[in-house]
PDB file of N, CA and C in Angstrom:
ATOM      1  N   UNK A   1       0.991  -1.005   0.141  1.00  0.00           N
ATOM      2  CA  UNK A   1      -0.045   0.086  -0.080  1.00  0.00           C
ATOM      3  C   UNK A   1       0.742   0.952   0.125  1.00  0.00           C
ATOM      4  N   UNK A   2       0.780   2.262  -0.935  1.00  0.00           N
ATOM      5  CA  UNK A   2       1.292   3.344  -1.032  1.00  0.00           C
ATOM      6  C   UNK A   2       0.774   4.381  -0.049  1.00  0.00           C
ATOM      7  N   UNK A   3       1.821   5.088   0.601  1.00  0.00           N
ATOM      8  CA  UNK A   3       1.353   6.344   1.764  1.00  0.00           C
ATOM      9  C   UNK A   3       2.542   7.049   1.633  1.00  0.00           C
ATOM     10  N   UNK A   4       2.389   8.346   2.142  1.00  0.00           N
ATOM     11  CA  UNK A   4       3.581   9.272   2.606  1.00  0.00           C
ATOM     12  C   UNK A   4       3.238   9.771   3.866  1.00  0.00           C
ATOM     13  N   UNK A   5       4.483  10.020   4.572  1.00  0.00           N
ATOM     14  CA  UNK A   5       4.555  10.426   5.847  1.00  0.00           C
ATOM     15  C   UNK A   5       5.240  11.586   5.669  1.00  0.00           C
ATOM     16  N   UNK A   6       4.370  12.623   6.537  1.00  0.00           N
ATOM     17  CA  UNK A   6       5.262  14.104   7.017  1.00  0.00           C
ATOM     18  C   UNK A   6       5.415  14.267   8.433  1.00  0.00           C
ATOM     19  N   UNK A   7       6.546  14.869   8.519  1.00  0.00           N
ATOM     20  CA  UNK A   7       7.042  15.056  10.016  1.00  0.00           C
ATOM     21  C   UNK A   7       6.940  16.688  10.096  1.00  0.00           C
ATOM     22  N   UNK A   8       6.329  17.549  10.570  1.00  0.00           N
ATOM     23  CA  UNK A   8       6.275  19.092  10.842  1.00  0.00           C
ATOM     24  C   UNK A   8       7.632  19.200  12.111  1.00  0.00           C
ATOM     25  N   UNK A   9       8.767  19.508  11.306  1.00  0.00           N
ATOM     26  CA  UNK A   9       9.819  19.775  12.323  1.00  0.00           C
ATOM     27  C   UNK A   9       9.691  20.957  13.508  1.00  0.00           C
ATOM     28  N   UNK A  10       8.858  21.613  13.063  1.00  0.00           N
ATOM     29  CA  UNK A  10       8.492  22.999  14.048  1.00  0.00           C
ATOM     30  C   UNK A  10       7.901  22.635  15.149  1.00  0.00           C
ATOM     31  N   UNK A  11       6.884  21.478  14.956  1.00  0.00           N
ATOM     32  CA  UNK A  11       6.169  21.122  16.149  1.00  0.00           C
ATOM     33  C   UNK A  11       6.971  19.879  16.910  1.00  0.00           C
ATOM     34  N   UNK A  12       7.661  19.225  16.279  1.00  0.00           N
ATOM     35  CA  UNK A  12       8.516  17.833  16.800  1.00  0.00           C
ATOM     36  C   UNK A  12       9.266  18.635  18.275  1.00  0.00           C
ATOM     37  N   UNK A  13       9.230  17.676  19.340  1.00  0.00           N
ATOM     38  CA  UNK A  13       9.685  18.119  20.657  1.00  0.00           C
ATOM     39  C   UNK A  13      10.838  17.043  21.038  1.00  0.00           C
ATOM     40  N   UNK A  14      11.284  16.394  20.004  1.00  0.00           N
ATOM     41  CA  UNK A  14      12.232  15.297  20.276  1.00  0.00           C
ATOM     42  C   UNK A  14      12.007  14.394  21.282  1.00  0.00           C
ATOM     43  N   UNK A  15      10.892  13.720  21.452  1.00  0.00           N
ATOM     44  CA  UNK A  15      10.552  13.057  22.600  1.00  0.00           C
ATOM     45  C   UNK A  15      11.168  11.542  22.080  1.00  0.00           C
ATOM     46  N   UNK A  16      11.174  11.450  20.959  1.00  0.00           N
ATOM     47  CA  UNK A  16      11.881   9.866  20.605  1.00  0.00           C
ATOM     48  C   UNK A  16      10.746   9.028  20.299  1.00  0.00           C
ATOM     49  N   UNK A  17       9.283   9.026  20.584  1.00  0.00           N
ATOM     50  CA  UNK A  17       8.412   8.045  20.551  1.00  0.00           C
ATOM     51  C   UNK A  17       8.465   7.392  19.307  1.00  0.00           C
ATOM     52  N   UNK A  18       8.432   8.001  18.196  1.00  0.00           N
ATOM     53  CA  UNK A  18       8.189   7.837  16.593  1.00  0.00           C
ATOM     54  C   UNK A  18       9.206   6.649  16.356  1.00  0.00           C
ATOM     55  N   UNK A  19      10.735   7.162  16.207  1.00  0.00           N
ATOM     56  CA  UNK A  19      11.392   6.238  16.054  1.00  0.00           C
ATOM     57  C   UNK A  19      12.003   5.219  17.258  1.00  0.00           C
ATOM     58  N   UNK A  20      11.403   5.041  18.181  1.00  0.00           N
ATOM     59  CA  UNK A  20      11.162   3.988  19.348  1.00  0.00           C
ATOM     60  C   UNK A  20      10.459   3.173  18.710  1.00  0.00           C
ATOM     61  N   UNK A  21       9.222   3.490  18.331  1.00  0.00           N
ATOM     62  CA  UNK A  21       7.977   2.461  17.761  1.00  0.00           C
ATOM     63  C   UNK A  21       8.255   2.191  16.628  1.00  0.00           C
ATOM     64  N   UNK A  22       8.592   2.609  15.600  1.00  0.00           N
ATOM     65  CA  UNK A  22       8.854   2.331  14.097  1.00  0.00           C
ATOM     66  C   UNK A  22      10.255   2.776  13.812  1.00  0.00           C
ATOM     67  N   UNK A  23      11.283   2.118  13.790  1.00  0.00           N
ATOM     68  CA  UNK A  23      12.560   2.545  13.175  1.00  0.00           C
ATOM     69  C   UNK A  23      12.760   2.375  11.696  1.00  0.00           C
ATOM     70  N   UNK A  24      11.741   1.681  11.331  1.00  0.00           N
ATOM     71  CA  UNK A  24      11.734   1.417   9.593  1.00  0.00           C
ATOM     72  C   UNK A  24      11.196   2.695   8.724  1.00  0.00           C
ATOM     73  N   UNK A  25      10.524   3.663   9.505  1.00  0.00           N
ATOM     74  CA  UNK A  25      10.368   4.709   8.747  1.00  0.00           C
ATOM     75  C   UNK A  25      10.617   6.350   9.506  1.00  0.00           C
ATOM     76  N   UNK A  26      11.142   5.985  10.663  1.00  0.00           N
ATOM     77  CA  UNK A  26      11.545   7.208  11.387  1.00  0.00           C
ATOM     78  C   UNK A  26      12.898   7.344  11.916  1.00  0.00           C
ATOM     79  N   UNK A  27      13.714   8.304  11.935  1.00  0.00           N
ATOM     80  CA  UNK A  27      15.036   8.409  12.707  1.00  0.00           C
ATOM     81  C   UNK A  27      14.997   9.671  13.224  1.00  0.00           C
ATOM     82  N   UNK A  28      16.139   9.632  13.975  1.00  0.00           N
ATOM     83  CA  UNK A  28      16.315  10.909  15.105  1.00  0.00           C
ATOM     84  C   UNK A  28      17.683  11.775  13.606  1.00  0.00           C
ATOM     85  N   UNK A  29      16.977  12.875  13.947  1.00  0.00           N
ATOM     86  CA  UNK A  29      18.094  14.010  13.296  1.00  0.00           C
ATOM     87  C   UNK A  29      19.309  14.278  14.185  1.00  0.00           C
ATOM     88  N   UNK A  30      20.294  15.306  13.593  1.00  0.00           N
ATOM     89  CA  UNK A  30      21.548  15.680  14.742  1.00  0.00           C
ATOM     90  C   UNK A  30      20.868  16.053  16.255  1.00  0.00           C
ATOM     91  N   UNK A  31      19.709  16.977  15.814  1.00  0.00           N
ATOM     92  CA  UNK A  31      19.515  17.765  16.971  1.00  0.00           C
ATOM     93  C   UNK A  31      18.110  16.755  18.033  1.00  0.00           C
ATOM     94  N   UNK A  32      18.128  15.694  17.285  1.00  0.00           N
ATOM     95  CA  UNK A  32      17.082  14.742  18.226  1.00  0.00           C
ATOM     96  C   UNK A  32      15.995  14.684  17.766  1.00  0.00           C
ATOM     97  N   UNK A  33      15.290  15.364  16.772  1.00  0.00           N
ATOM     98  CA  UNK A  33      14.197  15.779  16.337  1.00  0.00           C
ATOM     99  C   UNK A  33      13.904  14.461  15.467  1.00  0.00           C
ATOM    100  N   UNK A  34      12.577  14.354  14.999  1.00  0.00           N
ATOM    101  CA  UNK A  34      12.106  13.173  14.262  1.00  0.00           C
ATOM    102  C   UNK A  34      12.320  13.502  12.839  1.00  0.00           C
ATOM    103  N   UNK A  35      12.642  12.545  11.825  1.00  0.00           N
ATOM    104  CA  UNK A  35      12.703  12.731  10.482  1.00  0.00           C
ATOM    105  C   UNK A  35      12.377  11.443   9.877  1.00  0.00           C
ATOM    106  N   UNK A  36      11.802  11.342   8.701  1.00  0.00           N
ATOM    107  CA  UNK A  36      11.252  10.203   7.476  1.00  0.00           C
ATOM    108  C   UNK A  36      12.686  10.055   7.279  1.00  0.00           C
ATOM    109  N   UNK A  37      12.531   8.527   7.543  1.00  0.00           N
ATOM    110  CA  UNK A  37      14.026   7.847   6.872  1.00  0.00           C
ATOM    111  C   UNK A  37      14.030   7.853   5.496  1.00  0.00           C
ATOM    112  N   UNK A  38      15.133   8.181   4.857  1.00  0.00           N
ATOM    113  CA  UNK A  38      15.162   8.357   3.325  1.00  0.00           C
ATOM    114  C   UNK A  38      14.457   9.775   2.941  1.00  0.00           C
ATOM    115  N   UNK A  39      13.798  10.202   3.355  1.00  0.00           N
ATOM    116  CA  UNK A  39      12.945  11.375   3.334  1.00  0.00           C
ATOM    117  C   UNK A  39      13.629  12.668   2.915  1.00  0.00           C
ATOM    118  N   UNK A  40      12.855  13.755   2.329  1.00  0.00           N
ATOM    119  CA  UNK A  40      13.644  15.065   2.271  1.00  0.00           C
ATOM    120  C   UNK A  40      13.098  16.198   2.998  1.00  0.00           C
ATOM    121  N   UNK A  41      13.879  16.893   3.319  1.00  0.00           N
ATOM    122  CA  UNK A  41      13.817  18.065   4.318  1.00  0.00           C
ATOM    123  C   UNK A  41      13.889  19.444   3.946  1.00  0.00           C
ATOM    124  N   UNK A  42      12.817  20.018   4.414  1.00  0.00           N
ATOM    125  CA  UNK A  42      12.248  21.294   4.200  1.00  0.00           C
ATOM    126  C   UNK A  42      11.617  22.009   4.996  1.00  0.00           C
ATOM    127  N   UNK A  43      11.736  22.062   6.278  1.00  0.00           N
ATOM    128  CA  UNK A  43      10.819  22.690   7.329  1.00  0.00           C
ATOM    129  C   UNK A  43       9.966  21.344   7.900  1.00  0.00           C
ATOM    130  N   UNK A  44       9.622  20.646   6.978  1.00  0.00           N
ATOM    131  CA  UNK A  44       9.111  19.235   7.017  1.00  0.00           C
ATOM    132  C   UNK A  44       9.837  18.258   6.299  1.00  0.00           C
ATOM    133  N   UNK A  45       9.659  17.229   7.143  1.00  0.00           N
ATOM    134  CA  UNK A  45      10.526  15.956   6.404  1.00  0.00           C
ATOM    135  C   UNK A  45       9.528  14.835   5.787  1.00  0.00           C
ATOM    136  N   UNK A  46       9.600  14.729   4.560  1.00  0.00           N
ATOM    137  CA  UNK A  46       8.499  14.002   3.838  1.00  0.00           C
ATOM    138  C   UNK A  46       9.066  12.789   3.250  1.00  0.00           C
ATOM    139  N   UNK A  47       8.488  11.653   3.167  1.00  0.00           N
ATOM    140  CA  UNK A  47       8.900  10.559   2.515  1.00  0.00           C
ATOM    141  C   UNK A  47       7.815   9.558   2.091  1.00  0.00           C
ATOM    142  N   UNK A  48       8.025   9.055   0.809  1.00  0.00           N
ATOM    143  CA  UNK A  48       6.667   7.850   0.658  1.00  0.00           C
ATOM    144  C   UNK A  48       7.447   6.715   0.681  1.00  0.00           C
ATOM    145  N   UNK A  49       6.309   5.603   0.714  1.00  0.00           N
ATOM    146  CA  UNK A  49       6.470   4.217   1.091  1.00  0.00           C
ATOM    147  C   UNK A  49       5.263   3.461   0.416  1.00  0.00           C
ATOM    148  N   UNK A  50       5.873   2.170   0.144  1.00  0.00           N
ATOM    149  CA  UNK A  50       5.335   1.112  -0.607  1.00  0.00           C
ATOM    150  C   UNK A  50       5.173   0.093   0.235  1.00  0.00           C
ATOM    151  N   UNK A  51       4.772  -0.217   1.384  1.00  0.00           N
ATOM    152  CA  UNK A  51       5.093  -1.327   2.179  1.00  0.00           C
ATOM    153  C   UNK A  51       3.596  -1.341   2.782  1.00  0.00           C
ATOM    154  N   UNK A  52       3.975  -2.716   3.620  1.00  0.00           N
ATOM    155  CA  UNK A  52       2.534  -3.398   4.344  1.00  0.00           C
ATOM    156  C   UNK A  52       2.474  -3.092   5.536  1.00  0.00           C
ATOM    157  N   UNK A  53       3.432  -1.979   6.251  1.00  0.00           N
ATOM    158  CA  UNK A  53       3.478  -1.298   7.733  1.00  0.00           C
ATOM    159  C   UNK A  53       2.794  -0.254   8.072  1.00  0.00           C
ATOM    160  N   UNK A  54       1.735  -0.141   7.145  1.00  0.00           N
ATOM    161  CA  UNK A  54       0.963   1.133   7.644  1.00  0.00           C
ATOM    162  C   UNK A  54       0.002   1.273   8.989  1.00  0.00           C
ATOM    163  N   UNK A  55      -0.012   0.197   9.327  1.00  0.00           N
ATOM    164  CA  UNK A  55      -0.650  -0.250  10.975  1.00  0.00           C
ATOM    165  C   UNK A  55       0.166   0.434  12.134  1.00  0.00           C
ATOM    166  N   UNK A  56       1.495   0.210  11.684  1.00  0.00           N
ATOM    167  CA  UNK A  56       2.840   1.067  12.385  1.00  0.00           C
ATOM    168  C   UNK A  56       2.858   2.211  12.327  1.00  0.00           C
ATOM    169  N   UNK A  57       2.741   2.447  11.321  1.00  0.00           N
ATOM    170  CA  UNK A  57       2.819   4.172  10.803  1.00  0.00           C
ATOM    171  C   UNK A  57       1.957   4.741  11.557  1.00  0.00           C
ATOM    172  N   UNK A  58       0.791   4.286  11.596  1.00  0.00           N
ATOM    173  CA  UNK A  58      -0.345   4.895  12.162  1.00  0.00           C
ATOM    174  C   UNK A  58      -0.271   4.964  13.788  1.00  0.00           C
ATOM    175  N   UNK A  59       0.138   3.959  14.088  1.00  0.00           N
ATOM    176  CA  UNK A  59       0.452   3.715  15.662  1.00  0.00           C
ATOM    177  C   UNK A  59       1.165   4.591  16.138  1.00  0.00           C
ATOM    178  N   UNK A  60       2.409   5.133  15.591  1.00  0.00           N
ATOM    179  CA  UNK A  60       3.161   6.282  15.642  1.00  0.00           C
ATOM    180  C   UNK A  60       2.911   7.567  15.465  1.00  0.00           C
ATOM    181  N   UNK A  61       1.973   7.838  14.422  1.00  0.00           N
ATOM    182  CA  UNK A  61       0.937   9.025  14.056  1.00  0.00           C
ATOM    183  C   UNK A  61       0.092   9.161  15.382  1.00  0.00           C
ATOM    184  N   UNK A  62      -0.505   8.271  15.821  1.00  0.00           N
ATOM    185  CA  UNK A  62      -1.428   8.710  17.059  1.00  0.00           C
ATOM    186  C   UNK A  62      -0.472   8.774  18.695  1.00  0.00           C
ATOM    187  N   UNK A  63       0.661   8.196  18.356  1.00  0.00           N
ATOM    188  CA  UNK A  63       1.479   8.255  19.717  1.00  0.00           C
ATOM    189  C   UNK A  63       2.330   9.685  19.683  1.00  0.00           C
ATOM    190  N   UNK A  64       2.814  10.112  18.709  1.00  0.00           N
ATOM    191  CA  UNK A  64       3.098  11.785  18.639  1.00  0.00           C
ATOM    192  C   UNK A  64       2.232  12.386  19.822  1.00  0.00           C
ATOM    193  N   UNK A  65       3.085  12.865  20.864  1.00  0.00           N
ATOM    194  CA  UNK A  65       2.537  14.012  21.867  1.00  0.00           C
ATOM    195  C   UNK A  65       1.724  15.262  21.177  1.00  0.00           C
ATOM    196  N   UNK A  66       2.400  15.796  20.084  1.00  0.00           N
ATOM    197  CA  UNK A  66       2.384  17.102  19.609  1.00  0.00           C
ATOM    198  C   UNK A  66       1.600  17.021  18.075  1.00  0.00           C
ATOM    199  N   UNK A  67       1.339  16.080  17.580  1.00  0.00           N
ATOM    200  CA  UNK A  67       0.688  15.791  16.620  1.00  0.00           C
ATOM    201  C   UNK A  67       1.625  16.492  15.104  1.00  0.00           C
ATOM    202  N   UNK A  68       2.877  15.944  15.490  1.00  0.00           N
ATOM    203  CA  UNK A  68       3.854  16.471  14.476  1.00  0.00           C
ATOM    204  C   UNK A  68       3.967  15.662  12.844  1.00  0.00           C
ATOM    205  N   UNK A  69       2.885  14.302  13.305  1.00  0.00           N
ATOM    206  CA  UNK A  69       3.392  13.283  12.170  1.00  0.00           C
ATOM    207  C   UNK A  69       1.938  13.194  11.380  1.00  0.00           C
ATOM    208  N   UNK A  70       2.087  13.039  10.289  1.00  0.00           N
ATOM    209  CA  UNK A  70       0.900  12.955   9.234  1.00  0.00           C
ATOM    210  C   UNK A  70       0.939  11.953   8.194  1.00  0.00           C
ATOM    211  N   UNK A  71      -0.014  11.061   8.531  1.00  0.00           N
ATOM    212  CA  UNK A  71       0.233   9.875   7.262  1.00  0.00           C
ATOM    213  C   UNK A  71      -1.074  10.138   6.221  1.00  0.00           C
ATOM    214  N   UNK A  72      -0.403  10.406   4.986  1.00  0.00           N
ATOM    215  CA  UNK A  72      -1.423  10.535   3.616  1.00  0.00           C
ATOM    216  C   UNK A  72      -1.563   9.207   3.026  1.00  0.00           C
ATOM    217  N   UNK A  73      -2.694   8.824   2.907  1.00  0.00           N
ATOM    218  CA  UNK A  73      -3.008   7.535   2.048  1.00  0.00           C
ATOM    219  C   UNK A  73      -2.850   8.162   0.664  1.00  0.00           C
ATOM    220  N   UNK A  74      -2.526   6.900  -0.176  1.00  0.00           N
ATOM    221  CA  UNK A  74      -2.406   7.117  -1.630  1.00  0.00           C
ATOM    222  C   UNK A  74      -3.719   7.659  -2.315  1.00  0.00           C
ATOM    223  N   UNK A  75      -4.988   7.127  -2.272  1.00  0.00           N
ATOM    224  CA  UNK A  75      -6.151   8.118  -2.450  1.00  0.00           C
ATOM    225  C   UNK A  75      -6.063   9.286  -2.269  1.00  0.00           C
ATOM    226  N   UNK A  76      -5.581   9.820  -1.081  1.00  0.00           N
ATOM    227  CA  UNK A  76      -5.566  11.263  -0.877  1.00  0.00           C
ATOM    228  C   UNK A  76      -4.537  12.076  -1.559  1.00  0.00           C
ATOM    229  N   UNK A  77      -3.594  11.213  -2.007  1.00  0.00           N
ATOM    230  CA  UNK A  77      -2.239  11.939  -2.767  1.00  0.00           C
ATOM    231  C   UNK A  77      -2.676  12.119  -4.253  1.00  0.00           C
ATOM    232  N   UNK A  78      -3.678  11.256  -4.832  1.00  0.00           N
ATOM    233  CA  UNK A  78      -4.067  11.012  -5.794  1.00  0.00           C
ATOM    234  C   UNK A  78      -5.472  11.010  -5.938  1.00  0.00           C
ATOM    235  N   UNK A  79      -6.323  12.136  -6.038  1.00  0.00           N
ATOM    236  CA  UNK A  79      -7.835  12.286  -6.194  1.00  0.00           C
ATOM    237  C   UNK A  79      -8.188  11.383  -7.223  1.00  0.00           C
ATOM    238  N   UNK A  80      -9.346  10.837  -6.819  1.00  0.00           N
ATOM    239  CA  UNK A  80     -10.123  10.024  -7.995  1.00  0.00           C
ATOM    240  C   UNK A  80      -9.580   8.473  -7.713  1.00  0.00           C
ATOM    241  N   UNK A  81      -8.386   7.980  -7.384  1.00  0.00           N
ATOM    242  CA  UNK A  81      -7.722   7.317  -7.035  1.00  0.00           C
ATOM    243  C   UNK A  81      -9.030   5.807  -6.546  1.00  0.00           C
ATOM    244  N   UNK A  82      -9.168   4.732  -6.979  1.00  0.00           N
ATOM    245  CA  UNK A  82     -10.204   3.879  -6.463  1.00  0.00           C
ATOM    246  C   UNK A  82      -9.236   3.007  -5.455  1.00  0.00           C
ATOM    247  N   UNK A  83     -10.282   3.096  -4.247  1.00  0.00           N
ATOM    248  CA  UNK A  83      -9.606   1.947  -3.041  1.00  0.00           C
ATOM    249  C   UNK A  83     -10.372   1.141  -2.767  1.00  0.00           C
ATOM    250  N   UNK A  84      -9.985  -0.072  -2.046  1.00  0.00           N
ATOM    251  CA  UNK A  84     -10.945  -1.079  -2.071  1.00  0.00           C
ATOM    252  C   UNK A  84     -11.234  -1.123  -0.530  1.00  0.00           C
TER     253      UNK A  84
END
């Protein structure tokens, strides 16, 4: 399943919950804040994935104390995309 993960670096408080829960999609930057593994950063860290770990990513999103993590499904990225 394709999805995108965004992390708002301004909101992140560097608590470490995200990369403790899911080291496959999240990692720490030099300041201890979260970033998307393999993603690009420009105020927000963004990365796209195509794997079956969406439940783990959502668990991480809901665990974020400040709501800095956002998961976007493929259907939201591509309006009109038929989902099952």
